[in-house]
């Protein structure tokens, strides 16, 4: 019977070491652990969708512009998204040659890059999107969201146009030669122009493709002049991801 006892003892030791047959790890103190498991969650997001005048009559793919609003337009009233930027112009009857998507960030939150990318992936399934011509732009909080989005998903975008935003300069290392056009008011009391300048300097230091427009007399509202300028839409439509 002695050999049986020895085998039983070894089995018990194995179970204690591996945690097999238990509901959790068997140790005291701190240990490094790792989890690898699929995680899914429900995405609930409102957005305004603008389709070009000839969308229904054509079978071609269209560029897509993703517009990210500022902190003042957060909430659950989608009409607030029409206050500024391309969404306002579309509401006023302006025609665009691209699909315009203007999501609304929930109250008390900031733009979440993963949520925005989930929205884009769903839209690419249901709309005729030219996937090499997706551009992101945003103002203030949306400017920060724009920088964050291209840092996390640089392979998805043909260009970016952040207005009075900022971000983590070192994150711009990954965007390569993606064209970026930055706008800011020199007298902005809300988001210091240095936030944009730091991003521009970083992109240049990494060999990127960036231009910076400064409005010498503008405060925080540098978006009205920017989005009223036809040149920026012409620039957007010239961009195409290699």
Foldseek 3Di string as FASTA:
>chain_A
DVVVVVVVVVVVVVCLCVVPPHPDHRDDDDDDDDDDDDDDDDFDWDKDKDDAPCQVVDDAAFAEEEEEEALVQAADDRVSQLPAFPSVVVVVPDGARGMYIYIHHHHPDADDLVSVVVVVVVCVVVGRHPQQQYEYEYAASSLQVQVVNCLVCLVRHQAYEYELYAYDQVSLLPNAAREYEYEYECAAPPRHCVRVVSNVVSCVVSVYHYHYYYHDHDYRPPRRVVRVDVVVSVVSVVTGHD
